[in-house]
Amino acid sequence: MKTLIIAAFTGVIAGLLGALCGVGGGIVMVPAFVTVLGFEQKKAVATSFNTSLRKEPGLIDWRVVALAAVAAALAAWFGTDLMHKLSNQYLTRIFGVVLLVFGIKMLLSK
């Protein structure tokens, strides 16, 4: 149950950041799946829905995919309104912070 809640929350964050910054799966979901859910890197990438389906279909956690996708779609729908209200400068800063935070997190993870 905890995994599904985290998957939904990750989807919401990915959807909002997708709407605000044009980023999502690779920048939000992969680090979250690795650091919070404890997925191995390869499984995290596959579950964020890369083209791994045809080579190693067992890597994908379909429950996580479904919840994260639905949550991301809903958050992106509402996040688009927020994006239109924010200035270009503010959106650029959000994007920069997202890249830094997730980049540092990935560099410092085991």
PDB file of N, CA and C in Angstrom:
ATOM      1  N   MET A   1       0.823  -1.196   0.000  1.00  0.00           N
ATOM      2  CA  MET A   1       0.000   0.000   0.000  1.00  0.00           C
ATOM      3  C   MET A   1       0.868   1.261   0.000  1.00  0.00           C
ATOM      4  N   LYS A   2       1.944   1.238   0.801  1.00  0.00           N
ATOM      5  CA  LYS A   2       2.845   2.386   0.866  1.00  0.00           C
ATOM      6  C   LYS A   2       3.440   2.678  -0.510  1.00  0.00           C
ATOM      7  N   THR A   3       3.817   1.631  -1.249  1.00  0.00           N
ATOM      8  CA  THR A   3       4.379   1.792  -2.582  1.00  0.00           C
ATOM      9  C   THR A   3       3.388   2.486  -3.506  1.00  0.00           C
ATOM     10  N   LEU A   4       2.128   2.129  -3.424  1.00  0.00           N
ATOM     11  CA  LEU A   4       1.117   2.725  -4.290  1.00  0.00           C
ATOM     12  C   LEU A   4       0.869   4.189  -3.952  1.00  0.00           C
ATOM     13  N   ILE A   5       0.900   4.528  -2.685  1.00  0.00           N
ATOM     14  CA  ILE A   5       0.738   5.923  -2.271  1.00  0.00           C
ATOM     15  C   ILE A   5       1.914   6.746  -2.778  1.00  0.00           C
ATOM     16  N   ILE A   6       3.116   6.216  -2.638  1.00  0.00           N
ATOM     17  CA  ILE A   6       4.308   6.917  -3.124  1.00  0.00           C
ATOM     18  C   ILE A   6       4.257   7.054  -4.644  1.00  0.00           C
ATOM     19  N   ALA A   7       3.790   6.017  -5.339  1.00  0.00           N
ATOM     20  CA  ALA A   7       3.661   6.081  -6.803  1.00  0.00           C
ATOM     21  C   ALA A   7       2.694   7.183  -7.213  1.00  0.00           C
ATOM     22  N   ALA A   8       1.573   7.289  -6.525  1.00  0.00           N
ATOM     23  CA  ALA A   8       0.592   8.330  -6.836  1.00  0.00           C
ATOM     24  C   ALA A   8       1.175   9.713  -6.559  1.00  0.00           C
ATOM     25  N   PHE A   9       1.847   9.872  -5.427  1.00  0.00           N
ATOM     26  CA  PHE A   9       2.462  11.156  -5.083  1.00  0.00           C
ATOM     27  C   PHE A   9       3.534  11.527  -6.110  1.00  0.00           C
ATOM     28  N   THR A  10       4.336  10.552  -6.511  1.00  0.00           N
ATOM     29  CA  THR A  10       5.367  10.784  -7.527  1.00  0.00           C
ATOM     30  C   THR A  10       4.719  11.222  -8.836  1.00  0.00           C
ATOM     31  N   GLY A  11       3.616  10.601  -9.193  1.00  0.00           N
ATOM     32  CA  GLY A  11       2.892  10.996 -10.395  1.00  0.00           C
ATOM     33  C   GLY A  11       2.388  12.420 -10.324  1.00  0.00           C
ATOM     34  N   VAL A  12       1.877  12.814  -9.166  1.00  0.00           N
ATOM     35  CA  VAL A  12       1.404  14.194  -8.994  1.00  0.00           C
ATOM     36  C   VAL A  12       2.552  15.178  -9.187  1.00  0.00           C
ATOM     37  N   ILE A  13       3.680  14.905  -8.550  1.00  0.00           N
ATOM     38  CA  ILE A  13       4.841  15.791  -8.682  1.00  0.00           C
ATOM     39  C   ILE A  13       5.308  15.838 -10.136  1.00  0.00           C
ATOM     40  N   ALA A  14       5.382  14.668 -10.783  1.00  0.00           N
ATOM     41  CA  ALA A  14       5.812  14.612 -12.180  1.00  0.00           C
ATOM     42  C   ALA A  14       4.840  15.366 -13.081  1.00  0.00           C
ATOM     43  N   GLY A  15       3.555  15.233 -12.817  1.00  0.00           N
ATOM     44  CA  GLY A  15       2.560  15.942 -13.616  1.00  0.00           C
ATOM     45  C   GLY A  15       2.650  17.443 -13.462  1.00  0.00           C
ATOM     46  N   LEU A  16       2.804  17.891 -12.220  1.00  0.00           N
ATOM     47  CA  LEU A  16       2.943  19.331 -11.987  1.00  0.00           C
ATOM     48  C   LEU A  16       4.213  19.883 -12.625  1.00  0.00           C
ATOM     49  N   LEU A  17       5.325  19.171 -12.430  1.00  0.00           N
ATOM     50  CA  LEU A  17       6.574  19.640 -13.022  1.00  0.00           C
ATOM     51  C   LEU A  17       6.558  19.526 -14.541  1.00  0.00           C
ATOM     52  N   GLY A  18       5.830  18.541 -15.057  1.00  0.00           N
ATOM     53  CA  GLY A  18       5.666  18.438 -16.502  1.00  0.00           C
ATOM     54  C   GLY A  18       4.919  19.643 -17.042  1.00  0.00           C
ATOM     55  N   ALA A  19       3.888  20.050 -16.347  1.00  0.00           N
ATOM     56  CA  ALA A  19       3.106  21.210 -16.772  1.00  0.00           C
ATOM     57  C   ALA A  19       3.889  22.510 -16.602  1.00  0.00           C
ATOM     58  N   LEU A  20       4.672  22.610 -15.531  1.00  0.00           N
ATOM     59  CA  LEU A  20       5.398  23.849 -15.250  1.00  0.00           C
ATOM     60  C   LEU A  20       6.735  23.957 -15.984  1.00  0.00           C
ATOM     61  N   CYS A  21       7.414  22.831 -16.164  1.00  0.00           N
ATOM     62  CA  CYS A  21       8.791  22.868 -16.673  1.00  0.00           C
ATOM     63  C   CYS A  21       9.029  21.986 -17.899  1.00  0.00           C
ATOM     64  N   GLY A  22       8.075  21.159 -18.259  1.00  0.00           N
ATOM     65  CA  GLY A  22       8.273  20.258 -19.387  1.00  0.00           C
ATOM     66  C   GLY A  22       9.120  19.046 -19.046  1.00  0.00           C
ATOM     67  N   VAL A  23       9.198  18.697 -17.763  1.00  0.00           N
ATOM     68  CA  VAL A  23       9.972  17.530 -17.326  1.00  0.00           C
ATOM     69  C   VAL A  23       9.041  16.584 -16.583  1.00  0.00           C
ATOM     70  N   GLY A  24       9.443  15.352 -16.425  1.00  0.00           N
ATOM     71  CA  GLY A  24       8.587  14.415 -15.702  1.00  0.00           C
ATOM     72  C   GLY A  24       9.259  13.086 -15.450  1.00  0.00           C
ATOM     73  N   GLY A  25       9.022  12.124 -16.306  1.00  0.00           N
ATOM     74  CA  GLY A  25       9.458  10.752 -16.102  1.00  0.00           C
ATOM     75  C   GLY A  25      10.903  10.581 -15.706  1.00  0.00           C
ATOM     76  N   GLY A  26      11.797  10.992 -16.550  1.00  0.00           N
ATOM     77  CA  GLY A  26      13.214  10.759 -16.289  1.00  0.00           C
ATOM     78  C   GLY A  26      13.777  11.585 -15.156  1.00  0.00           C
ATOM     79  N   ILE A  27      13.264  12.766 -14.971  1.00  0.00           N
ATOM     80  CA  ILE A  27      13.836  13.661 -13.974  1.00  0.00           C
ATOM     81  C   ILE A  27      13.165  13.514 -12.617  1.00  0.00           C
ATOM     82  N   VAL A  28      11.904  13.164 -12.582  1.00  0.00           N
ATOM     83  CA  VAL A  28      11.187  13.053 -11.314  1.00  0.00           C
ATOM     84  C   VAL A  28      10.971  11.598 -10.923  1.00  0.00           C
ATOM     85  N   MET A  29      10.394  10.840 -11.826  1.00  0.00           N
ATOM     86  CA  MET A  29       9.991   9.481 -11.473  1.00  0.00           C
ATOM     87  C   MET A  29      11.173   8.550 -11.235  1.00  0.00           C
ATOM     88  N   VAL A  30      12.173   8.594 -12.090  1.00  0.00           N
ATOM     89  CA  VAL A  30      13.309   7.677 -11.913  1.00  0.00           C
ATOM     90  C   VAL A  30      14.009   7.913 -10.573  1.00  0.00           C
ATOM     91  N   PRO A  31      14.402   9.151 -10.234  1.00  0.00           N
ATOM     92  CA  PRO A  31      15.031   9.343  -8.916  1.00  0.00           C
ATOM     93  C   PRO A  31      14.111   8.972  -7.755  1.00  0.00           C
ATOM     94  N   ALA A  32      12.820   9.258  -7.872  1.00  0.00           N
ATOM     95  CA  ALA A  32      11.893   8.903  -6.791  1.00  0.00           C
ATOM     96  C   ALA A  32      11.774   7.394  -6.654  1.00  0.00           C
ATOM     97  N   PHE A  33      11.677   6.692  -7.766  1.00  0.00           N
ATOM     98  CA  PHE A  33      11.569   5.238  -7.701  1.00  0.00           C
ATOM     99  C   PHE A  33      12.828   4.613  -7.106  1.00  0.00           C
ATOM    100  N   VAL A  34      13.989   5.200  -7.399  1.00  0.00           N
ATOM    101  CA  VAL A  34      15.256   4.661  -6.872  1.00  0.00           C
ATOM    102  C   VAL A  34      15.404   4.990  -5.393  1.00  0.00           C
ATOM    103  N   THR A  35      15.245   6.271  -5.052  1.00  0.00           N
ATOM    104  CA  THR A  35      15.552   6.699  -3.685  1.00  0.00           C
ATOM    105  C   THR A  35      14.432   6.416  -2.691  1.00  0.00           C
ATOM    106  N   VAL A  36      13.191   6.522  -3.100  1.00  0.00           N
ATOM    107  CA  VAL A  36      12.088   6.355  -2.156  1.00  0.00           C
ATOM    108  C   VAL A  36      11.546   4.920  -2.161  1.00  0.00           C
ATOM    109  N   LEU A  37      11.385   4.356  -3.357  1.00  0.00           N
ATOM    110  CA  LEU A  37      10.824   3.005  -3.436  1.00  0.00           C
ATOM    111  C   LEU A  37      11.888   1.918  -3.420  1.00  0.00           C
ATOM    112  N   GLY A  38      13.158   2.298  -3.569  1.00  0.00           N
ATOM    113  CA  GLY A  38      14.241   1.327  -3.511  1.00  0.00           C
ATOM    114  C   GLY A  38      14.400   0.480  -4.766  1.00  0.00           C
ATOM    115  N   PHE A  39      13.844   0.941  -5.888  1.00  0.00           N
ATOM    116  CA  PHE A  39      14.013   0.212  -7.142  1.00  0.00           C
ATOM    117  C   PHE A  39      15.460   0.294  -7.587  1.00  0.00           C
ATOM    118  N   GLU A  40      15.936  -0.743  -8.277  1.00  0.00           N
ATOM    119  CA  GLU A  40      17.230  -0.646  -8.940  1.00  0.00           C
ATOM    120  C   GLU A  40      17.067   0.307 -10.117  1.00  0.00           C
ATOM    121  N   GLN A  41      18.172   0.921 -10.549  1.00  0.00           N
ATOM    122  CA  GLN A  41      18.124   1.926 -11.611  1.00  0.00           C
ATOM    123  C   GLN A  41      17.414   1.405 -12.865  1.00  0.00           C
ATOM    124  N   LYS A  42      17.742   0.208 -13.278  1.00  0.00           N
ATOM    125  CA  LYS A  42      17.154  -0.347 -14.504  1.00  0.00           C
ATOM    126  C   LYS A  42      15.637  -0.501 -14.368  1.00  0.00           C
ATOM    127  N   LYS A  43      15.181  -0.971 -13.208  1.00  0.00           N
ATOM    128  CA  LYS A  43      13.737  -1.130 -12.985  1.00  0.00           C
ATOM    129  C   LYS A  43      13.063   0.237 -12.921  1.00  0.00           C
ATOM    130  N   ALA A  44      13.719   1.220 -12.312  1.00  0.00           N
ATOM    131  CA  ALA A  44      13.151   2.568 -12.226  1.00  0.00           C
ATOM    132  C   ALA A  44      12.961   3.164 -13.612  1.00  0.00           C
ATOM    133  N   VAL A  45      13.959   3.002 -14.463  1.00  0.00           N
ATOM    134  CA  VAL A  45      13.863   3.531 -15.830  1.00  0.00           C
ATOM    135  C   VAL A  45      12.751   2.812 -16.593  1.00  0.00           C
ATOM    136  N   ALA A  46      12.696   1.492 -16.474  1.00  0.00           N
ATOM    137  CA  ALA A  46      11.665   0.711 -17.179  1.00  0.00           C
ATOM    138  C   ALA A  46      10.272   1.086 -16.690  1.00  0.00           C
ATOM    139  N   THR A  47      10.115   1.259 -15.381  1.00  0.00           N
ATOM    140  CA  THR A  47       8.811   1.582 -14.816  1.00  0.00           C
ATOM    141  C   THR A  47       8.384   2.998 -15.181  1.00  0.00           C
ATOM    142  N   SER A  48       9.335   3.912 -15.365  1.00  0.00           N
ATOM    143  CA  SER A  48       8.966   5.263 -15.799  1.00  0.00           C
ATOM    144  C   SER A  48       8.550   5.246 -17.259  1.00  0.00           C
ATOM    145  N   PHE A  49       8.592   4.097 -17.833  1.00  0.00           N
ATOM    146  CA  PHE A  49       8.053   3.728 -19.131  1.00  0.00           C
ATOM    147  C   PHE A  49       8.948   4.107 -20.284  1.00  0.00           C
ATOM    148  N   ASN A  50      10.085   3.469 -20.257  1.00  0.00           N
ATOM    149  CA  ASN A  50      11.017   3.538 -21.369  1.00  0.00           C
ATOM    150  C   ASN A  50      10.616   2.460 -22.374  1.00  0.00           C
ATOM    151  N   THR A  51      11.439   2.201 -23.341  1.00  0.00           N
ATOM    152  CA  THR A  51      11.134   1.179 -24.350  1.00  0.00           C
ATOM    153  C   THR A  51      11.583  -0.202 -23.899  1.00  0.00           C
ATOM    154  N   SER A  52      11.802  -0.388 -22.610  1.00  0.00           N
ATOM    155  CA  SER A  52      12.269  -1.662 -22.071  1.00  0.00           C
ATOM    156  C   SER A  52      11.232  -2.769 -22.173  1.00  0.00           C
ATOM    157  N   LEU A  53      10.012  -2.430 -22.478  1.00  0.00           N
ATOM    158  CA  LEU A  53       8.927  -3.407 -22.494  1.00  0.00           C
ATOM    159  C   LEU A  53       9.243  -4.598 -23.387  1.00  0.00           C
ATOM    160  N   ARG A  54       9.777  -4.375 -24.564  1.00  0.00           N
ATOM    161  CA  ARG A  54      10.011  -5.499 -25.474  1.00  0.00           C
ATOM    162  C   ARG A  54      11.236  -6.315 -25.110  1.00  0.00           C
ATOM    163  N   LYS A  55      12.209  -5.739 -24.386  1.00  0.00           N
ATOM    164  CA  LYS A  55      13.428  -6.483 -24.041  1.00  0.00           C
ATOM    165  C   LYS A  55      13.322  -7.198 -22.705  1.00  0.00           C
ATOM    166  N   GLU A  56      12.798  -6.518 -21.693  1.00  0.00           N
ATOM    167  CA  GLU A  56      12.702  -7.096 -20.346  1.00  0.00           C
ATOM    168  C   GLU A  56      11.371  -6.696 -19.711  1.00  0.00           C
ATOM    169  N   PRO A  57      10.263  -7.281 -20.169  1.00  0.00           N
ATOM    170  CA  PRO A  57       8.953  -6.865 -19.656  1.00  0.00           C
ATOM    171  C   PRO A  57       8.774  -7.072 -18.156  1.00  0.00           C
ATOM    172  N   GLY A  58       9.527  -7.964 -17.560  1.00  0.00           N
ATOM    173  CA  GLY A  58       9.406  -8.211 -16.126  1.00  0.00           C
ATOM    174  C   GLY A  58       9.938  -7.088 -15.256  1.00  0.00           C
ATOM    175  N   LEU A  59      10.653  -6.153 -15.846  1.00  0.00           N
ATOM    176  CA  LEU A  59      11.201  -5.036 -15.074  1.00  0.00           C
ATOM    177  C   LEU A  59      10.140  -4.015 -14.672  1.00  0.00           C
ATOM    178  N   ILE A  60       9.065  -3.953 -15.397  1.00  0.00           N
ATOM    179  CA  ILE A  60       8.079  -2.902 -15.199  1.00  0.00           C
ATOM    180  C   ILE A  60       7.091  -3.286 -14.093  1.00  0.00           C
ATOM    181  N   ASP A  61       6.922  -2.396 -13.129  1.00  0.00           N
ATOM    182  CA  ASP A  61       5.932  -2.581 -12.069  1.00  0.00           C
ATOM    183  C   ASP A  61       4.655  -1.872 -12.538  1.00  0.00           C
ATOM    184  N   TRP A  62       3.729  -2.639 -13.069  1.00  0.00           N
ATOM    185  CA  TRP A  62       2.537  -2.071 -13.708  1.00  0.00           C
ATOM    186  C   TRP A  62       1.616  -1.345 -12.734  1.00  0.00           C
ATOM    187  N   ARG A  63       1.597  -1.736 -11.476  1.00  0.00           N
ATOM    188  CA  ARG A  63       0.777  -1.016 -10.487  1.00  0.00           C
ATOM    189  C   ARG A  63       1.304   0.402 -10.324  1.00  0.00           C
ATOM    190  N   VAL A  64       2.630   0.517 -10.251  1.00  0.00           N
ATOM    191  CA  VAL A  64       3.255   1.830 -10.108  1.00  0.00           C
ATOM    192  C   VAL A  64       3.025   2.654 -11.371  1.00  0.00           C
ATOM    193  N   VAL A  65       3.167   2.034 -12.529  1.00  0.00           N
ATOM    194  CA  VAL A  65       2.929   2.731 -13.799  1.00  0.00           C
ATOM    195  C   VAL A  65       1.514   3.310 -13.832  1.00  0.00           C
ATOM    196  N   ALA A  66       0.533   2.485 -13.516  1.00  0.00           N
ATOM    197  CA  ALA A  66      -0.864   2.913 -13.601  1.00  0.00           C
ATOM    198  C   ALA A  66      -1.166   4.075 -12.659  1.00  0.00           C
ATOM    199  N   LEU A  67      -0.767   3.939 -11.421  1.00  0.00           N
ATOM    200  CA  LEU A  67      -1.046   5.009 -10.452  1.00  0.00           C
ATOM    201  C   LEU A  67      -0.288   6.287 -10.771  1.00  0.00           C
ATOM    202  N   ALA A  68       0.984   6.155 -11.095  1.00  0.00           N
ATOM    203  CA  ALA A  68       1.782   7.340 -11.407  1.00  0.00           C
ATOM    204  C   ALA A  68       1.252   8.036 -12.655  1.00  0.00           C
ATOM    205  N   ALA A  69       0.846   7.271 -13.658  1.00  0.00           N
ATOM    206  CA  ALA A  69       0.340   7.862 -14.902  1.00  0.00           C
ATOM    207  C   ALA A  69      -0.968   8.616 -14.678  1.00  0.00           C
ATOM    208  N   VAL A  70      -1.884   8.024 -13.953  1.00  0.00           N
ATOM    209  CA  VAL A  70      -3.165   8.689 -13.681  1.00  0.00           C
ATOM    210  C   VAL A  70      -2.938   9.950 -12.846  1.00  0.00           C
ATOM    211  N   ALA A  71      -2.122   9.830 -11.811  1.00  0.00           N
ATOM    212  CA  ALA A  71      -1.839  10.994 -10.958  1.00  0.00           C
ATOM    213  C   ALA A  71      -1.129  12.087 -11.748  1.00  0.00           C
ATOM    214  N   ALA A  72      -0.186  11.712 -12.604  1.00  0.00           N
ATOM    215  CA  ALA A  72       0.539  12.695 -13.412  1.00  0.00           C
ATOM    216  C   ALA A  72      -0.391  13.409 -14.391  1.00  0.00           C
ATOM    217  N   ALA A  73      -1.277  12.654 -15.018  1.00  0.00           N
ATOM    218  CA  ALA A  73      -2.206  13.258 -15.975  1.00  0.00           C
ATOM    219  C   ALA A  73      -3.129  14.269 -15.292  1.00  0.00           C
ATOM    220  N   LEU A  74      -3.654  13.898 -14.134  1.00  0.00           N
ATOM    221  CA  LEU A  74      -4.536  14.812 -13.401  1.00  0.00           C
ATOM    222  C   LEU A  74      -3.787  16.052 -12.930  1.00  0.00           C
ATOM    223  N   ALA A  75      -2.595  15.851 -12.388  1.00  0.00           N
ATOM    224  CA  ALA A  75      -1.813  16.992 -11.899  1.00  0.00           C
ATOM    225  C   ALA A  75      -1.398  17.902 -13.048  1.00  0.00           C
ATOM    226  N   ALA A  76      -1.046  17.326 -14.193  1.00  0.00           N
ATOM    227  CA  ALA A  76      -0.655  18.135 -15.354  1.00  0.00           C
ATOM    228  C   ALA A  76      -1.834  18.972 -15.848  1.00  0.00           C
ATOM    229  N   TRP A  77      -3.019  18.385 -15.800  1.00  0.00           N
ATOM    230  CA  TRP A  77      -4.220  19.108 -16.232  1.00  0.00           C
ATOM    231  C   TRP A  77      -4.395  20.395 -15.411  1.00  0.00           C
ATOM    232  N   PHE A  78      -4.278  20.261 -14.091  1.00  0.00           N
ATOM    233  CA  PHE A  78      -4.439  21.420 -13.224  1.00  0.00           C
ATOM    234  C   PHE A  78      -3.177  22.286 -13.195  1.00  0.00           C
ATOM    235  N   GLY A  79      -1.998  21.652 -13.350  1.00  0.00           N
ATOM    236  CA  GLY A  79      -0.740  22.389 -13.350  1.00  0.00           C
ATOM    237  C   GLY A  79      -0.603  23.333 -14.522  1.00  0.00           C
ATOM    238  N   THR A  80      -1.266  23.036 -15.619  1.00  0.00           N
ATOM    239  CA  THR A  80      -1.216  23.913 -16.790  1.00  0.00           C
ATOM    240  C   THR A  80      -1.782  25.288 -16.462  1.00  0.00           C
ATOM    241  N   ASP A  81      -2.854  25.326 -15.693  1.00  0.00           N
ATOM    242  CA  ASP A  81      -3.422  26.613 -15.277  1.00  0.00           C
ATOM    243  C   ASP A  81      -2.416  27.401 -14.447  1.00  0.00           C
ATOM    244  N   LEU A  82      -1.736  26.710 -13.546  1.00  0.00           N
ATOM    245  CA  LEU A  82      -0.722  27.363 -12.719  1.00  0.00           C
ATOM    246  C   LEU A  82       0.421  27.897 -13.575  1.00  0.00           C
ATOM    247  N   MET A  83       0.856  27.115 -14.563  1.00  0.00           N
ATOM    248  CA  MET A  83       1.943  27.539 -15.433  1.00  0.00           C
ATOM    249  C   MET A  83       1.602  28.846 -16.138  1.00  0.00           C
ATOM    250  N   HIS A  84       0.375  29.011 -16.578  1.00  0.00           N
ATOM    251  CA  HIS A  84      -0.030  30.229 -17.280  1.00  0.00           C
ATOM    252  C   HIS A  84      -0.047  31.449 -16.356  1.00  0.00           C
ATOM    253  N   LYS A  85      -0.166  31.224 -15.065  1.00  0.00           N
ATOM    254  CA  LYS A  85      -0.205  32.329 -14.104  1.00  0.00           C
ATOM    255  C   LYS A  85       1.183  32.784 -13.661  1.00  0.00           C
ATOM    256  N   LEU A  86       2.200  31.919 -13.832  1.00  0.00           N
ATOM    257  CA  LEU A  86       3.546  32.233 -13.357  1.00  0.00           C
ATOM    258  C   LEU A  86       4.374  32.914 -14.450  1.00  0.00           C
ATOM    259  N   SER A  87       5.321  33.737 -14.034  1.00  0.00           N
ATOM    260  CA  SER A  87       6.186  34.430 -14.992  1.00  0.00           C
ATOM    261  C   SER A  87       7.219  33.474 -15.577  1.00  0.00           C
ATOM    262  N   ASN A  88       7.770  33.855 -16.728  1.00  0.00           N
ATOM    263  CA  ASN A  88       8.830  33.062 -17.347  1.00  0.00           C
ATOM    264  C   ASN A  88      10.026  32.921 -16.423  1.00  0.00           C
ATOM    265  N   GLN A  89      10.389  34.001 -15.743  1.00  0.00           N
ATOM    266  CA  GLN A  89      11.539  33.975 -14.841  1.00  0.00           C
ATOM    267  C   GLN A  89      11.308  32.988 -13.698  1.00  0.00           C
ATOM    268  N   TYR A  90      10.127  32.986 -13.146  1.00  0.00           N
ATOM    269  CA  TYR A  90       9.812  32.075 -12.046  1.00  0.00           C
ATOM    270  C   TYR A  90       9.830  30.623 -12.519  1.00  0.00           C
ATOM    271  N   LEU A  91       9.267  30.361 -13.682  1.00  0.00           N
ATOM    272  CA  LEU A  91       9.267  29.002 -14.239  1.00  0.00           C
ATOM    273  C   LEU A  91      10.686  28.522 -14.525  1.00  0.00           C
ATOM    274  N   THR A  92      11.533  29.419 -15.021  1.00  0.00           N
ATOM    275  CA  THR A  92      12.929  29.068 -15.289  1.00  0.00           C
ATOM    276  C   THR A  92      13.649  28.709 -13.998  1.00  0.00           C
ATOM    277  N   ARG A  93      13.387  29.437 -12.944  1.00  0.00           N
ATOM    278  CA  ARG A  93      14.005  29.143 -11.646  1.00  0.00           C
ATOM    279  C   ARG A  93      13.518  27.811 -11.084  1.00  0.00           C
ATOM    280  N   ILE A  94      12.235  27.533 -11.220  1.00  0.00           N
ATOM    281  CA  ILE A  94      11.709  26.237 -10.771  1.00  0.00           C
ATOM    282  C   ILE A  94      12.424  25.115 -11.507  1.00  0.00           C
ATOM    283  N   PHE A  95      12.546  25.257 -12.813  1.00  0.00           N
ATOM    284  CA  PHE A  95      13.200  24.243 -13.637  1.00  0.00           C
ATOM    285  C   PHE A  95      14.649  24.039 -13.202  1.00  0.00           C
ATOM    286  N   GLY A  96      15.380  25.133 -12.967  1.00  0.00           N
ATOM    287  CA  GLY A  96      16.769  25.036 -12.519  1.00  0.00           C
ATOM    288  C   GLY A  96      16.909  24.332 -11.183  1.00  0.00           C
ATOM    289  N   VAL A  97      16.035  24.656 -10.253  1.00  0.00           N
ATOM    290  CA  VAL A  97      16.072  24.026  -8.934  1.00  0.00           C
ATOM    291  C   VAL A  97      15.764  22.534  -9.050  1.00  0.00           C
ATOM    292  N   VAL A  98      14.775  22.183  -9.865  1.00  0.00           N
ATOM    293  CA  VAL A  98      14.427  20.769 -10.061  1.00  0.00           C
ATOM    294  C   VAL A  98      15.631  20.005 -10.599  1.00  0.00           C
ATOM    295  N   LEU A  99      16.291  20.544 -11.606  1.00  0.00           N
ATOM    296  CA  LEU A  99      17.463  19.880 -12.175  1.00  0.00           C
ATOM    297  C   LEU A  99      18.574  19.720 -11.139  1.00  0.00           C
ATOM    298  N   LEU A 100      18.838  20.767 -10.372  1.00  0.00           N
ATOM    299  CA  LEU A 100      19.876  20.699  -9.347  1.00  0.00           C
ATOM    300  C   LEU A 100      19.548  19.679  -8.257  1.00  0.00           C
ATOM    301  N   VAL A 101      18.342  19.746  -7.729  1.00  0.00           N
ATOM    302  CA  VAL A 101      17.967  18.865  -6.624  1.00  0.00           C
ATOM    303  C   VAL A 101      18.047  17.400  -7.049  1.00  0.00           C
ATOM    304  N   PHE A 102      17.426  17.075  -8.164  1.00  0.00           N
ATOM    305  CA  PHE A 102      17.440  15.676  -8.587  1.00  0.00           C
ATOM    306  C   PHE A 102      18.819  15.228  -9.068  1.00  0.00           C
ATOM    307  N   GLY A 103      19.563  16.142  -9.679  1.00  0.00           N
ATOM    308  CA  GLY A 103      20.926  15.798 -10.105  1.00  0.00           C
ATOM    309  C   GLY A 103      21.825  15.496  -8.924  1.00  0.00           C
ATOM    310  N   ILE A 104      21.777  16.322  -7.919  1.00  0.00           N
ATOM    311  CA  ILE A 104      22.578  16.104  -6.713  1.00  0.00           C
ATOM    312  C   ILE A 104      22.141  14.818  -6.015  1.00  0.00           C
ATOM    313  N   LYS A 105      20.842  14.609  -5.930  1.00  0.00           N
ATOM    314  CA  LYS A 105      20.325  13.392  -5.286  1.00  0.00           C
ATOM    315  C   LYS A 105      20.843  12.144  -5.994  1.00  0.00           C
ATOM    316  N   MET A 106      20.845  12.151  -7.318  1.00  0.00           N
ATOM    317  CA  MET A 106      21.314  10.993  -8.079  1.00  0.00           C
ATOM    318  C   MET A 106      22.831  10.826  -7.934  1.00  0.00           C
ATOM    319  N   LEU A 107      23.569  11.930  -7.933  1.00  0.00           N
ATOM    320  CA  LEU A 107      25.022  11.835  -7.782  1.00  0.00           C
ATOM    321  C   LEU A 107      25.427  11.305  -6.418  1.00  0.00           C
ATOM    322  N   LEU A 108      24.674  11.646  -5.387  1.00  0.00           N
ATOM    323  CA  LEU A 108      25.027  11.245  -4.035  1.00  0.00           C
ATOM    324  C   LEU A 108      24.442   9.903  -3.617  1.00  0.00           C
ATOM    325  N   SER A 109      23.537   9.349  -4.423  1.00  0.00           N
ATOM    326  CA  SER A 109      22.950   8.046  -4.055  1.00  0.00           C
ATOM    327  C   SER A 109      23.955   6.930  -4.308  1.00  0.00           C
ATOM    328  N   LYS A 110      23.753   5.817  -3.633  1.00  0.00           N
ATOM    329  CA  LYS A 110      24.694   4.699  -3.725  1.00  0.00           C
ATOM    330  C   LYS A 110      24.693   4.122  -5.092  1.00  0.00           C
TER     331      LYS A 110
END
